[in-house]
C-alpha atoms as a PDB file:
ATOM      1  CA  UNK A   1      -0.025  -0.073   0.060  1.00  0.00           C
ATOM      2  CA  UNK A   2       1.118   3.578  -0.934  1.00  0.00           C
ATOM      3  CA  UNK A   3       0.565   6.605   1.450  1.00  0.00           C
ATOM      4  CA  UNK A   4      -3.192   6.974   2.205  1.00  0.00           C
ATOM      5  CA  UNK A   5      -4.866   9.644   0.145  1.00  0.00           C
ATOM      6  CA  UNK A   6      -5.760  13.027   2.072  1.00  0.00           C
ATOM      7  CA  UNK A   7      -6.750  16.069  -0.413  1.00  0.00           C
ATOM      8  CA  UNK A   8      -8.343  19.349   0.017  1.00  0.00           C
ATOM      9  CA  UNK A   9     -10.188  20.952  -2.973  1.00  0.00           C
ATOM     10  CA  UNK A  10     -11.012  24.593  -3.116  1.00  0.00           C
ATOM     11  CA  UNK A  11     -11.449  25.384  -6.920  1.00  0.00           C
ATOM     12  CA  UNK A  12     -12.300  23.875 -10.199  1.00  0.00           C
ATOM     13  CA  UNK A  13      -8.815  22.641 -10.859  1.00  0.00           C
ATOM     14  CA  UNK A  14      -8.663  20.965  -7.440  1.00  0.00           C
ATOM     15  CA  UNK A  15     -12.014  19.295  -8.057  1.00  0.00           C
ATOM     16  CA  UNK A  16     -10.774  17.921 -11.544  1.00  0.00           C
ATOM     17  CA  UNK A  17      -7.981  16.230  -9.468  1.00  0.00           C
ATOM     18  CA  UNK A  18     -10.357  15.032  -6.931  1.00  0.00           C
ATOM     19  CA  UNK A  19     -12.738  13.685  -9.633  1.00  0.00           C
ATOM     20  CA  UNK A  20      -9.819  11.665 -11.135  1.00  0.00           C
ATOM     21  CA  UNK A  21      -8.923  10.008  -7.702  1.00  0.00           C
ATOM     22  CA  UNK A  22     -12.834   9.270  -7.175  1.00  0.00           C
ATOM     23  CA  UNK A  23     -13.624   8.068 -10.614  1.00  0.00           C
ATOM     24  CA  UNK A  24     -15.388   4.614 -10.481  1.00  0.00           C
ATOM     25  CA  UNK A  25     -15.656   5.026  -6.511  1.00  0.00           C
ATOM     26  CA  UNK A  26     -18.659   3.174  -5.213  1.00  0.00           C
ATOM     27  CA  UNK A  27     -21.072   5.043  -2.914  1.00  0.00           C
ATOM     28  CA  UNK A  28     -23.876   3.398  -1.225  1.00  0.00           C
ATOM     29  CA  UNK A  29     -26.828   5.892  -1.110  1.00  0.00           C
ATOM     30  CA  UNK A  30     -27.378   4.973   2.552  1.00  0.00           C
ATOM     31  CA  UNK A  31     -23.908   6.349   3.271  1.00  0.00           C
ATOM     32  CA  UNK A  32     -24.660   9.910   1.931  1.00  0.00           C
ATOM     33  CA  UNK A  33     -25.846  12.599   4.478  1.00  0.00           C
ATOM     34  CA  UNK A  34     -26.690  16.139   4.463  1.00  0.00           C
ATOM     35  CA  UNK A  35     -25.847  17.628   7.818  1.00  0.00           C
ATOM     36  CA  UNK A  36     -27.996  20.992   7.534  1.00  0.00           C
ATOM     37  CA  UNK A  37     -27.019  22.302  10.830  1.00  0.00           C
ATOM     38  CA  UNK A  38     -23.366  21.962  10.029  1.00  0.00           C
ATOM     39  CA  UNK A  39     -23.898  23.072   6.399  1.00  0.00           C
ATOM     40  CA  UNK A  40     -21.982  19.927   5.434  1.00  0.00           C
ATOM     41  CA  UNK A  41     -22.568  16.896   2.918  1.00  0.00           C
ATOM     42  CA  UNK A  42     -20.651  13.679   3.616  1.00  0.00           C
ATOM     43  CA  UNK A  43     -20.331  10.448   1.945  1.00  0.00           C
ATOM     44  CA  UNK A  44     -18.253   7.376   2.432  1.00  0.00           C
ATOM     45  CA  UNK A  45     -17.001   5.594  -0.779  1.00  0.00           C
ATOM     46  CA  UNK A  46     -15.384   2.509  -1.793  1.00  0.00           C
ATOM     47  CA  UNK A  47     -12.605   4.046  -3.793  1.00  0.00           C
ATOM     48  CA  UNK A  48     -10.566   2.275  -6.671  1.00  0.00           C
ATOM     49  CA  UNK A  49      -6.813   2.969  -6.107  1.00  0.00           C
ATOM     50  CA  UNK A  50      -5.887   4.399  -9.455  1.00  0.00           C
ATOM     51  CA  UNK A  51      -2.904   6.037  -8.334  1.00  0.00           C
ATOM     52  CA  UNK A  52      -1.265   2.481  -7.282  1.00  0.00           C
ATOM     53  CA  UNK A  53      -2.029   1.075 -10.949  1.00  0.00           C
ATOM     54  CA  UNK A  54      -0.430   4.252 -12.559  1.00  0.00           C
ATOM     55  CA  UNK A  55       2.691   3.915 -10.185  1.00  0.00           C
ATOM     56  CA  UNK A  56       3.103   0.222 -11.327  1.00  0.00           C
ATOM     57  CA  UNK A  57       2.789   1.183 -14.949  1.00  0.00           C
ATOM     58  CA  UNK A  58       5.262   4.044 -14.491  1.00  0.00           C
ATOM     59  CA  UNK A  59       7.708   1.354 -12.790  1.00  0.00           C
ATOM     60  CA  UNK A  60       7.635  -0.708 -15.881  1.00  0.00           C
ATOM     61  CA  UNK A  61       5.240  -3.428 -14.528  1.00  0.00           C
ATOM     62  CA  UNK A  62       2.818  -2.789 -17.358  1.00  0.00           C
ATOM     63  CA  UNK A  63      -0.926  -2.523 -17.492  1.00  0.00           C
ATOM     64  CA  UNK A  64      -2.721  -5.198 -15.344  1.00  0.00           C
ATOM     65  CA  UNK A  65       0.538  -6.576 -13.605  1.00  0.00           C
ATOM     66  CA  UNK A  66      -1.375  -6.040 -10.255  1.00  0.00           C
ATOM     67  CA  UNK A  67      -0.862  -4.689  -6.905  1.00  0.00           C
ATOM     68  CA  UNK A  68       2.253  -5.418  -4.978  1.00  0.00           C
ATOM     69  CA  UNK A  69       4.328  -6.704  -7.862  1.00  0.00           C
ATOM     70  CA  UNK A  70       2.039  -9.715  -8.275  1.00  0.00           C
ATOM     71  CA  UNK A  71       1.147 -11.070 -11.873  1.00  0.00           C
ATOM     72  CA  UNK A  72      -2.294 -12.208 -10.624  1.00  0.00           C
ATOM     73  CA  UNK A  73      -3.872  -9.065 -11.681  1.00  0.00           C
ATOM     74  CA  UNK A  74      -5.069  -7.923  -8.337  1.00  0.00           C
ATOM     75  CA  UNK A  75      -5.849  -4.333  -7.686  1.00  0.00           C
ATOM     76  CA  UNK A  76      -6.941  -2.262  -4.635  1.00  0.00           C
ATOM     77  CA  UNK A  77      -9.796  -0.449  -3.201  1.00  0.00           C
ATOM     78  CA  UNK A  78     -10.108   1.369   0.118  1.00  0.00           C
ATOM     79  CA  UNK A  79     -12.925   3.068   2.110  1.00  0.00           C
ATOM     80  CA  UNK A  80     -12.644   6.862   1.747  1.00  0.00           C
ATOM     81  CA  UNK A  81     -14.621   9.752   3.476  1.00  0.00           C
ATOM     82  CA  UNK A  82     -15.657  12.746   1.465  1.00  0.00           C
ATOM     83  CA  UNK A  83     -16.766  15.991   3.212  1.00  0.00           C
ATOM     84  CA  UNK A  84     -18.231  18.941   1.400  1.00  0.00           C
ATOM     85  CA  UNK A  85     -18.198  22.121   3.549  1.00  0.00           C
ATOM     86  CA  UNK A  86     -20.385  25.339   3.367  1.00  0.00           C
ATOM     87  CA  UNK A  87     -23.423  23.465   1.705  1.00  0.00           C
ATOM     88  CA  UNK A  88     -26.775  25.324   1.681  1.00  0.00           C
ATOM     89  CA  UNK A  89     -28.998  22.638  -0.151  1.00  0.00           C
ATOM     90  CA  UNK A  90     -28.752  19.445  -1.887  1.00  0.00           C
ATOM     91  CA  UNK A  91     -30.723  18.063  -4.727  1.00  0.00           C
ATOM     92  CA  UNK A  92     -30.696  14.449  -6.016  1.00  0.00           C
ATOM     93  CA  UNK A  93     -31.398  13.344  -9.548  1.00  0.00           C
ATOM     94  CA  UNK A  94     -32.115   9.619 -10.637  1.00  0.00           C
ATOM     95  CA  UNK A  95     -32.522   8.393  -6.938  1.00  0.00           C
ATOM     96  CA  UNK A  96     -34.324   9.304  -3.687  1.00  0.00           C
ATOM     97  CA  UNK A  97     -31.985   9.514  -0.616  1.00  0.00           C
ATOM     98  CA  UNK A  98     -33.754   8.001   2.354  1.00  0.00           C
ATOM     99  CA  UNK A  99     -36.292   6.039   0.221  1.00  0.00           C
ATOM    100  CA  UNK A 100     -36.408   2.445   1.078  1.00  0.00           C
ATOM    101  CA  UNK A 101     -35.975   1.217  -2.656  1.00  0.00           C
ATOM    102  CA  UNK A 102     -32.872   3.310  -3.035  1.00  0.00           C
ATOM    103  CA  UNK A 103     -31.473   2.523   0.372  1.00  0.00           C
ATOM    104  CA  UNK A 104     -29.232  -0.353  -0.756  1.00  0.00           C
ATOM    105  CA  UNK A 105     -28.304   0.964  -4.062  1.00  0.00           C
ATOM    106  CA  UNK A 106     -24.797   1.440  -4.992  1.00  0.00           C
ATOM    107  CA  UNK A 107     -23.737   4.724  -7.203  1.00  0.00           C
ATOM    108  CA  UNK A 108     -20.639   4.731  -9.213  1.00  0.00           C
ATOM    109  CA  UNK A 109     -18.683   8.244  -9.430  1.00  0.00           C
ATOM    110  CA  UNK A 110     -18.045   9.376 -12.958  1.00  0.00           C
ATOM    111  CA  UNK A 111     -16.675  12.915 -11.855  1.00  0.00           C
ATOM    112  CA  UNK A 112     -17.192  15.794  -9.612  1.00  0.00           C
ATOM    113  CA  UNK A 113     -17.550  19.314 -11.023  1.00  0.00           C
ATOM    114  CA  UNK A 114     -17.287  22.623  -9.326  1.00  0.00           C
ATOM    115  CA  UNK A 115     -18.837  25.648 -11.302  1.00  0.00           C
ATOM    116  CA  UNK A 116     -19.400  28.818  -9.229  1.00  0.00           C
ATOM    117  CA  UNK A 117     -21.540  28.145  -6.110  1.00  0.00           C
ATOM    118  CA  UNK A 118     -22.468  24.580  -7.255  1.00  0.00           C
ATOM    119  CA  UNK A 119     -20.817  21.064  -6.918  1.00  0.00           C
ATOM    120  CA  UNK A 120     -22.133  18.337  -9.061  1.00  0.00           C
ATOM    121  CA  UNK A 121     -21.342  14.661  -8.231  1.00  0.00           C
ATOM    122  CA  UNK A 122     -21.938  12.863 -11.488  1.00  0.00           C
ATOM    123  CA  UNK A 123     -22.806   9.214 -11.134  1.00  0.00           C
ATOM    124  CA  UNK A 124     -23.352   6.442 -13.961  1.00  0.00           C
ATOM    125  CA  UNK A 125     -26.720   5.722 -14.936  1.00  0.00           C
ATOM    126  CA  UNK A 126     -27.800   9.396 -14.971  1.00  0.00           C
ATOM    127  CA  UNK A 127     -27.730   9.957 -11.219  1.00  0.00           C
ATOM    128  CA  UNK A 128     -26.400  13.140  -9.827  1.00  0.00           C
ATOM    129  CA  UNK A 129     -26.072  15.194  -6.613  1.00  0.00           C
ATOM    130  CA  UNK A 130     -26.163  18.965  -6.855  1.00  0.00           C
ATOM    131  CA  UNK A 131     -24.803  20.791  -3.882  1.00  0.00           C
ATOM    132  CA  UNK A 132     -25.507  24.659  -3.558  1.00  0.00           C
ATOM    133  CA  UNK A 133     -22.552  26.028  -1.621  1.00  0.00           C
ATOM    134  CA  UNK A 134     -21.453  29.411  -0.149  1.00  0.00           C
ATOM    135  CA  UNK A 135     -17.772  28.515  -0.973  1.00  0.00           C
ATOM    136  CA  UNK A 136     -16.242  25.558  -2.790  1.00  0.00           C
ATOM    137  CA  UNK A 137     -14.364  23.270  -0.300  1.00  0.00           C
ATOM    138  CA  UNK A 138     -13.994  19.712  -0.031  1.00  0.00           C
ATOM    139  CA  UNK A 139     -11.935  17.056   1.685  1.00  0.00           C
ATOM    140  CA  UNK A 140     -11.126  13.430   0.876  1.00  0.00           C
ATOM    141  CA  UNK A 141      -9.355  11.011   2.997  1.00  0.00           C
ATOM    142  CA  UNK A 142      -8.720   7.412   2.922  1.00  0.00           C
ATOM    143  CA  UNK A 143      -9.952   5.499   5.981  1.00  0.00           C
ATOM    144  CA  UNK A 144      -8.493   2.142   7.019  1.00  0.00           C
ATOM    145  CA  UNK A 145      -6.342  -0.445   4.971  1.00  0.00           C
ATOM    146  CA  UNK A 146      -6.911  -1.100   1.410  1.00  0.00           C
ATOM    147  CA  UNK A 147      -8.093  -4.520   0.298  1.00  0.00           C
ATOM    148  CA  UNK A 148      -7.291  -6.501  -2.910  1.00  0.00           C
ATOM    149  CA  UNK A 149      -9.847  -6.868  -5.667  1.00  0.00           C
ATOM    150  CA  UNK A 150      -9.589  -8.692  -8.913  1.00  0.00           C
ATOM    151  CA  UNK A 151     -11.715  -6.334 -10.836  1.00  0.00           C
ATOM    152  CA  UNK A 152     -10.355  -2.959 -12.618  1.00  0.00           C
ATOM    153  CA  UNK A 153     -13.075  -0.608 -13.671  1.00  0.00           C
ATOM    154  CA  UNK A 154     -13.435  -0.520 -17.373  1.00  0.00           C
ATOM    155  CA  UNK A 155     -14.557   2.160 -19.561  1.00  0.00           C
ATOM    156  CA  UNK A 156     -16.008   1.511 -23.195  1.00  0.00           C
ATOM    157  CA  UNK A 157     -14.003   4.259 -24.579  1.00  0.00           C
ATOM    158  CA  UNK A 158     -10.924   2.385 -23.857  1.00  0.00           C
ATOM    159  CA  UNK A 159     -11.997  -0.210 -26.368  1.00  0.00           C
ATOM    160  CA  UNK A 160     -12.373   2.469 -29.030  1.00  0.00           C
ATOM    161  CA  UNK A 161      -8.866   3.768 -28.259  1.00  0.00           C
ATOM    162  CA  UNK A 162      -7.361   0.370 -28.211  1.00  0.00           C
ATOM    163  CA  UNK A 163      -8.952  -0.562 -31.639  1.00  0.00           C
ATOM    164  CA  UNK A 164      -7.914   2.791 -33.315  1.00  0.00           C
ATOM    165  CA  UNK A 165      -4.639   3.176 -31.586  1.00  0.00           C
ATOM    166  CA  UNK A 166      -5.717   6.935 -30.791  1.00  0.00           C
ATOM    167  CA  UNK A 167      -8.839   9.162 -30.542  1.00  0.00           C
ATOM    168  CA  UNK A 168     -11.419   9.594 -33.065  1.00  0.00           C
END
């Protein structure tokens, strides 16, 4: 395991980095909360450790070589706490927080955008959370030890790039 992730985001550029680290994180709907009295939105995610994969590829292990130098193709995930500060209101699209039908649902993070006084968490399947904020500020911190997984997130655009050898 590398160093646990601990980030602070205060502008659109920071949120682009945050979104890259959180891409493909799995977020249980039941682990999202708006703490109105504290002007805070919090959630716990199961984050894929993209930075470990990139480090292995940079070291010459090649894509898919696996975590810790193994050839078995294992990767890592870790629990991650995410806090958005100065939140005035929260709107959800594509799911209903607190509804029994959505309680056990997992959302997969695509990206996080910060534009003016709005932060948008974009999930696969058309789901999103829109945070109206006084000031853009978020914190992300890994919690606990990572665990191995055999599954690397896959994006269909990667297939197109592999077939063409570049972008279209």
